[in-house]
Amino acid sequence: MTMHYRFVTPHRTGKWYPDIRTAQEQAYAIGAGFLDPRSGAFYQYPGTRMETQVLGEIVGAVAA
C-alpha cells in the first residue's frame, strides 16, 4: 500500500503527493501554509486540512 498526501483550503485543493514533505513544500502554491527553510517546520494556515489517501496495489486486475 502507498500513502499519498495533499492539503485542502476552503477554496482550493492541492495535488496528491507521494510523501508528506513534498506536499508541505507545495502547499504555499494554493495558500495552505508554508515550510520554513531554516527550521524545517511546516506552518499550516487556519482553515486548511491535510488529507491522506491509501492506494492499494491491485494484483491480477483484468482490463476490460
PDB file of N, CA and C in Angstrom:
ATOM      1  N   MET A   1       0.834  -1.181   0.000  1.00  0.00           N
ATOM      2  CA  MET A   1       0.000   0.000   0.000  1.00  0.00           C
ATOM      3  C   MET A   1       0.881   1.247   0.000  1.00  0.00           C
ATOM      4  N   THR A   2       0.418   2.238  -0.702  1.00  0.00           N
ATOM      5  CA  THR A   2       1.128   3.510  -0.797  1.00  0.00           C
ATOM      6  C   THR A   2       0.237   4.616  -0.259  1.00  0.00           C
ATOM      7  N   MET A   3       0.835   5.511   0.524  1.00  0.00           N
ATOM      8  CA  MET A   3       0.102   6.631   1.102  1.00  0.00           C
ATOM      9  C   MET A   3       0.422   7.892   0.310  1.00  0.00           C
ATOM     10  N   HIS A   4      -0.608   8.677  -0.003  1.00  0.00           N
ATOM     11  CA  HIS A   4      -0.438   9.963  -0.674  1.00  0.00           C
ATOM     12  C   HIS A   4      -1.034  11.055   0.207  1.00  0.00           C
ATOM     13  N   TYR A   5      -0.525  12.278   0.040  1.00  0.00           N
ATOM     14  CA  TYR A   5      -0.901  13.403   0.890  1.00  0.00           C
ATOM     15  C   TYR A   5      -1.240  14.617   0.036  1.00  0.00           C
ATOM     16  N   ARG A   6      -2.171  15.454   0.545  1.00  0.00           N
ATOM     17  CA  ARG A   6      -2.456  16.736  -0.089  1.00  0.00           C
ATOM     18  C   ARG A   6      -3.062  17.671   0.948  1.00  0.00           C
ATOM     19  N   PHE A   7      -2.994  18.965   0.647  1.00  0.00           N
ATOM     20  CA  PHE A   7      -3.588  19.979   1.501  1.00  0.00           C
ATOM     21  C   PHE A   7      -4.792  20.573   0.791  1.00  0.00           C
ATOM     22  N   VAL A   8      -5.819  20.893   1.584  1.00  0.00           N
ATOM     23  CA  VAL A   8      -7.061  21.440   1.058  1.00  0.00           C
ATOM     24  C   VAL A   8      -7.402  22.695   1.859  1.00  0.00           C
ATOM     25  N   THR A   9      -7.687  23.778   1.153  1.00  0.00           N
ATOM     26  CA  THR A   9      -8.139  25.018   1.788  1.00  0.00           C
ATOM     27  C   THR A   9      -9.634  25.148   1.514  1.00  0.00           C
ATOM     28  N   PRO A  10     -10.300  26.121   2.111  1.00  0.00           N
ATOM     29  CA  PRO A  10     -11.725  26.300   1.816  1.00  0.00           C
ATOM     30  C   PRO A  10     -12.014  26.594   0.336  1.00  0.00           C
ATOM     31  N   HIS A  11     -10.994  27.075  -0.409  1.00  0.00           N
ATOM     32  CA  HIS A  11     -11.231  27.465  -1.799  1.00  0.00           C
ATOM     33  C   HIS A  11     -10.396  26.715  -2.827  1.00  0.00           C
ATOM     34  N   ARG A  12      -9.374  25.981  -2.385  1.00  0.00           N
ATOM     35  CA  ARG A  12      -8.501  25.297  -3.342  1.00  0.00           C
ATOM     36  C   ARG A  12      -8.107  23.925  -2.813  1.00  0.00           C
ATOM     37  N   THR A  13      -7.810  23.036  -3.761  1.00  0.00           N
ATOM     38  CA  THR A  13      -7.383  21.683  -3.421  1.00  0.00           C
ATOM     39  C   THR A  13      -6.047  21.412  -4.093  1.00  0.00           C
ATOM     40  N   GLY A  14      -5.087  20.934  -3.315  1.00  0.00           N
ATOM     41  CA  GLY A  14      -3.770  20.638  -3.853  1.00  0.00           C
ATOM     42  C   GLY A  14      -3.728  19.285  -4.557  1.00  0.00           C
ATOM     43  N   LYS A  15      -2.639  19.032  -5.229  1.00  0.00           N
ATOM     44  CA  LYS A  15      -2.420  17.748  -5.894  1.00  0.00           C
ATOM     45  C   LYS A  15      -2.007  16.702  -4.861  1.00  0.00           C
ATOM     46  N   TRP A  16      -2.126  15.433  -5.236  1.00  0.00           N
ATOM     47  CA  TRP A  16      -1.675  14.334  -4.384  1.00  0.00           C
ATOM     48  C   TRP A  16      -0.172  14.172  -4.572  1.00  0.00           C
ATOM     49  N   TYR A  17       0.540  13.980  -3.454  1.00  0.00           N
ATOM     50  CA  TYR A  17       1.989  13.775  -3.481  1.00  0.00           C
ATOM     51  C   TYR A  17       2.338  12.498  -2.727  1.00  0.00           C
ATOM     52  N   PRO A  18       3.379  11.795  -3.164  1.00  0.00           N
ATOM     53  CA  PRO A  18       3.721  10.505  -2.563  1.00  0.00           C
ATOM     54  C   PRO A  18       4.376  10.596  -1.186  1.00  0.00           C
ATOM     55  N   ASP A  19       4.777  11.800  -0.759  1.00  0.00           N
ATOM     56  CA  ASP A  19       5.345  11.942   0.584  1.00  0.00           C
ATOM     57  C   ASP A  19       4.900  13.273   1.177  1.00  0.00           C
ATOM     58  N   ILE A  20       4.841  13.307   2.491  1.00  0.00           N
ATOM     59  CA  ILE A  20       4.320  14.490   3.184  1.00  0.00           C
ATOM     60  C   ILE A  20       5.225  15.700   3.006  1.00  0.00           C
ATOM     61  N   ARG A  21       6.520  15.487   2.903  1.00  0.00           N
ATOM     62  CA  ARG A  21       7.455  16.611   2.750  1.00  0.00           C
ATOM     63  C   ARG A  21       7.194  17.363   1.441  1.00  0.00           C
ATOM     64  N   THR A  22       6.981  16.646   0.353  1.00  0.00           N
ATOM     65  CA  THR A  22       6.689  17.280  -0.933  1.00  0.00           C
ATOM     66  C   THR A  22       5.354  18.016  -0.869  1.00  0.00           C
ATOM     67  N   ALA A  23       4.359  17.426  -0.218  1.00  0.00           N
ATOM     68  CA  ALA A  23       3.062  18.090  -0.072  1.00  0.00           C
ATOM     69  C   ALA A  23       3.218  19.394   0.710  1.00  0.00           C
ATOM     70  N   GLN A  24       4.051  19.377   1.747  1.00  0.00           N
ATOM     71  CA  GLN A  24       4.290  20.589   2.526  1.00  0.00           C
ATOM     72  C   GLN A  24       5.029  21.632   1.699  1.00  0.00           C
ATOM     73  N   GLU A  25       5.995  21.216   0.904  1.00  0.00           N
ATOM     74  CA  GLU A  25       6.745  22.153   0.065  1.00  0.00           C
ATOM     75  C   GLU A  25       5.842  22.833  -0.961  1.00  0.00           C
ATOM     76  N   GLN A  26       4.830  22.133  -1.458  1.00  0.00           N
ATOM     77  CA  GLN A  26       3.943  22.655  -2.488  1.00  0.00           C
ATOM     78  C   GLN A  26       2.706  23.357  -1.919  1.00  0.00           C
ATOM     79  N   ALA A  27       2.477  23.291  -0.628  1.00  0.00           N
ATOM     80  CA  ALA A  27       1.283  23.872  -0.010  1.00  0.00           C
ATOM     81  C   ALA A  27       1.189  25.380  -0.221  1.00  0.00           C
ATOM     82  N   TYR A  28       2.310  26.071  -0.318  1.00  0.00           N
ATOM     83  CA  TYR A  28       2.307  27.521  -0.496  1.00  0.00           C
ATOM     84  C   TYR A  28       1.603  27.918  -1.794  1.00  0.00           C
ATOM     85  N   ALA A  29       1.701  27.084  -2.817  1.00  0.00           N
ATOM     86  CA  ALA A  29       1.119  27.396  -4.128  1.00  0.00           C
ATOM     87  C   ALA A  29      -0.401  27.555  -4.069  1.00  0.00           C
ATOM     88  N   ILE A  30      -1.061  26.880  -3.121  1.00  0.00           N
ATOM     89  CA  ILE A  30      -2.518  27.006  -3.014  1.00  0.00           C
ATOM     90  C   ILE A  30      -2.924  27.810  -1.784  1.00  0.00           C
ATOM     91  N   GLY A  31      -1.961  28.362  -1.073  1.00  0.00           N
ATOM     92  CA  GLY A  31      -2.267  29.163   0.106  1.00  0.00           C
ATOM     93  C   GLY A  31      -2.634  28.344   1.320  1.00  0.00           C
ATOM     94  N   ALA A  32      -2.052  27.138   1.445  1.00  0.00           N
ATOM     95  CA  ALA A  32      -2.375  26.255   2.556  1.00  0.00           C
ATOM     96  C   ALA A  32      -1.423  26.402   3.734  1.00  0.00           C
ATOM     97  N   GLY A  33      -0.259  26.961   3.496  1.00  0.00           N
ATOM     98  CA  GLY A  33       0.737  27.105   4.551  1.00  0.00           C
ATOM     99  C   GLY A  33       2.103  27.284   3.930  1.00  0.00           C
ATOM    100  N   PHE A  34       3.144  27.236   4.778  1.00  0.00           N
ATOM    101  CA  PHE A  34       4.496  27.359   4.230  1.00  0.00           C
ATOM    102  C   PHE A  34       5.479  26.551   5.051  1.00  0.00           C
ATOM    103  N   LEU A  35       6.549  26.158   4.411  1.00  0.00           N
ATOM    104  CA  LEU A  35       7.616  25.387   5.016  1.00  0.00           C
ATOM    105  C   LEU A  35       8.777  26.338   5.285  1.00  0.00           C
ATOM    106  N   ASP A  36       9.141  26.498   6.554  1.00  0.00           N
ATOM    107  CA  ASP A  36      10.243  27.382   6.927  1.00  0.00           C
ATOM    108  C   ASP A  36      11.561  26.696   6.560  1.00  0.00           C
ATOM    109  N   PRO A  37      12.324  27.272   5.626  1.00  0.00           N
ATOM    110  CA  PRO A  37      13.558  26.616   5.177  1.00  0.00           C
ATOM    111  C   PRO A  37      14.638  26.533   6.261  1.00  0.00           C
ATOM    112  N   ARG A  38      14.631  27.465   7.203  1.00  0.00           N
ATOM    113  CA  ARG A  38      15.661  27.456   8.238  1.00  0.00           C
ATOM    114  C   ARG A  38      15.408  26.378   9.292  1.00  0.00           C
ATOM    115  N   SER A  39      14.181  26.294   9.770  1.00  0.00           N
ATOM    116  CA  SER A  39      13.881  25.329  10.837  1.00  0.00           C
ATOM    117  C   SER A  39      13.356  23.998  10.299  1.00  0.00           C
ATOM    118  N   GLY A  40      12.811  24.016   9.074  1.00  0.00           N
ATOM    119  CA  GLY A  40      12.218  22.809   8.512  1.00  0.00           C
ATOM    120  C   GLY A  40      10.800  22.573   9.018  1.00  0.00           C
ATOM    121  N   ALA A  41      10.264  23.522   9.796  1.00  0.00           N
ATOM    122  CA  ALA A  41       8.910  23.381  10.332  1.00  0.00           C
ATOM    123  C   ALA A  41       7.875  23.823   9.302  1.00  0.00           C
ATOM    124  N   PHE A  42       6.739  23.129   9.301  1.00  0.00           N
ATOM    125  CA  PHE A  42       5.644  23.489   8.409  1.00  0.00           C
ATOM    126  C   PHE A  42       4.586  24.234   9.206  1.00  0.00           C
ATOM    127  N   TYR A  43       4.141  25.373   8.677  1.00  0.00           N
ATOM    128  CA  TYR A  43       3.111  26.184   9.307  1.00  0.00           C
ATOM    129  C   TYR A  43       1.870  26.172   8.430  1.00  0.00           C
ATOM    130  N   GLN A  44       0.839  25.537   8.945  1.00  0.00           N
ATOM    131  CA  GLN A  44      -0.427  25.400   8.216  1.00  0.00           C
ATOM    132  C   GLN A  44      -1.315  26.590   8.536  1.00  0.00           C
ATOM    133  N   TYR A  45      -1.914  27.190   7.507  1.00  0.00           N
ATOM    134  CA  TYR A  45      -2.800  28.328   7.709  1.00  0.00           C
ATOM    135  C   TYR A  45      -4.144  27.867   8.271  1.00  0.00           C
ATOM    136  N   PRO A  46      -4.844  28.749   9.011  1.00  0.00           N
ATOM    137  CA  PRO A  46      -6.169  28.393   9.548  1.00  0.00           C
ATOM    138  C   PRO A  46      -7.137  28.020   8.422  1.00  0.00           C
ATOM    139  N   GLY A  47      -7.962  27.025   8.672  1.00  0.00           N
ATOM    140  CA  GLY A  47      -8.945  26.585   7.690  1.00  0.00           C
ATOM    141  C   GLY A  47      -8.410  25.561   6.703  1.00  0.00           C
ATOM    142  N   THR A  48      -7.143  25.213   6.846  1.00  0.00           N
ATOM    143  CA  THR A  48      -6.511  24.239   5.951  1.00  0.00           C
ATOM    144  C   THR A  48      -6.528  22.872   6.613  1.00  0.00           C
ATOM    145  N   ARG A  49      -6.723  21.848   5.816  1.00  0.00           N
ATOM    146  CA  ARG A  49      -6.632  20.490   6.351  1.00  0.00           C
ATOM    147  C   ARG A  49      -5.760  19.640   5.435  1.00  0.00           C
ATOM    148  N   MET A  50      -5.148  18.621   6.021  1.00  0.00           N
ATOM    149  CA  MET A  50      -4.347  17.681   5.241  1.00  0.00           C
ATOM    150  C   MET A  50      -5.169  16.414   5.044  1.00  0.00           C
ATOM    151  N   GLU A  51      -5.194  15.929   3.822  1.00  0.00           N
ATOM    152  CA  GLU A  51      -5.893  14.687   3.524  1.00  0.00           C
ATOM    153  C   GLU A  51      -4.873  13.621   3.161  1.00  0.00           C
ATOM    154  N   THR A  52      -5.204  12.385   3.498  1.00  0.00           N
ATOM    155  CA  THR A  52      -4.361  11.251   3.127  1.00  0.00           C
ATOM    156  C   THR A  52      -5.196  10.273   2.320  1.00  0.00           C
ATOM    157  N   GLN A  53      -4.513   9.539   1.490  1.00  0.00           N
ATOM    158  CA  GLN A  53      -5.182   8.556   0.638  1.00  0.00           C
ATOM    159  C   GLN A  53      -4.293   7.329   0.569  1.00  0.00           C
ATOM    160  N   VAL A  54      -4.859   6.174   0.829  1.00  0.00           N
ATOM    161  CA  VAL A  54      -4.121   4.923   0.732  1.00  0.00           C
ATOM    162  C   VAL A  54      -4.433   4.307  -0.618  1.00  0.00           C
ATOM    163  N   LEU A  55      -3.383   4.091  -1.386  1.00  0.00           N
ATOM    164  CA  LEU A  55      -3.545   3.455  -2.695  1.00  0.00           C
ATOM    165  C   LEU A  55      -3.073   2.017  -2.575  1.00  0.00           C
ATOM    166  N   GLY A  56      -3.995   1.092  -2.723  1.00  0.00           N
ATOM    167  CA  GLY A  56      -3.649  -0.321  -2.647  1.00  0.00           C
ATOM    168  C   GLY A  56      -3.163  -0.828  -3.995  1.00  0.00           C
ATOM    169  N   GLU A  57      -2.293  -1.771  -3.924  1.00  0.00           N
ATOM    170  CA  GLU A  57      -1.802  -2.380  -5.161  1.00  0.00           C
ATOM    171  C   GLU A  57      -2.831  -3.405  -5.634  1.00  0.00           C
ATOM    172  N   ILE A  58      -3.181  -3.337  -6.886  1.00  0.00           N
ATOM    173  CA  ILE A  58      -4.136  -4.276  -7.459  1.00  0.00           C
ATOM    174  C   ILE A  58      -3.358  -5.390  -8.144  1.00  0.00           C
ATOM    175  N   VAL A  59      -3.517  -6.582  -7.637  1.00  0.00           N
ATOM    176  CA  VAL A  59      -2.799  -7.722  -8.173  1.00  0.00           C
ATOM    177  C   VAL A  59      -3.761  -8.565  -8.988  1.00  0.00           C
ATOM    178  N   GLY A  60      -3.372  -8.886 -10.214  1.00  0.00           N
ATOM    179  CA  GLY A  60      -4.199  -9.718 -11.053  1.00  0.00           C
ATOM    180  C   GLY A  60      -5.423  -9.030 -11.630  1.00  0.00           C
ATOM    181  N   ALA A  61      -5.375  -7.719 -11.779  1.00  0.00           N
ATOM    182  CA  ALA A  61      -6.507  -6.990 -12.355  1.00  0.00           C
ATOM    183  C   ALA A  61      -6.585  -7.285 -13.844  1.00  0.00           C
ATOM    184  N   VAL A  62      -7.792  -7.373 -14.342  1.00  0.00           N
ATOM    185  CA  VAL A  62      -8.018  -7.666 -15.757  1.00  0.00           C
ATOM    186  C   VAL A  62      -8.658  -6.436 -16.395  1.00  0.00           C
ATOM    187  N   ALA A  63      -8.043  -5.952 -17.461  1.00  0.00           N
ATOM    188  CA  ALA A  63      -8.593  -4.796 -18.186  1.00  0.00           C
ATOM    189  C   ALA A  63      -9.729  -5.250 -19.069  1.00  0.00           C
ATOM    190  N   ALA A  64     -10.783  -4.467 -19.123  1.00  0.00           N
ATOM    191  CA  ALA A  64     -11.947  -4.829 -19.934  1.00  0.00           C
ATOM    192  C   ALA A  64     -11.753  -4.391 -21.361  1.00  0.00           C
TER     193      ALA A  64
END
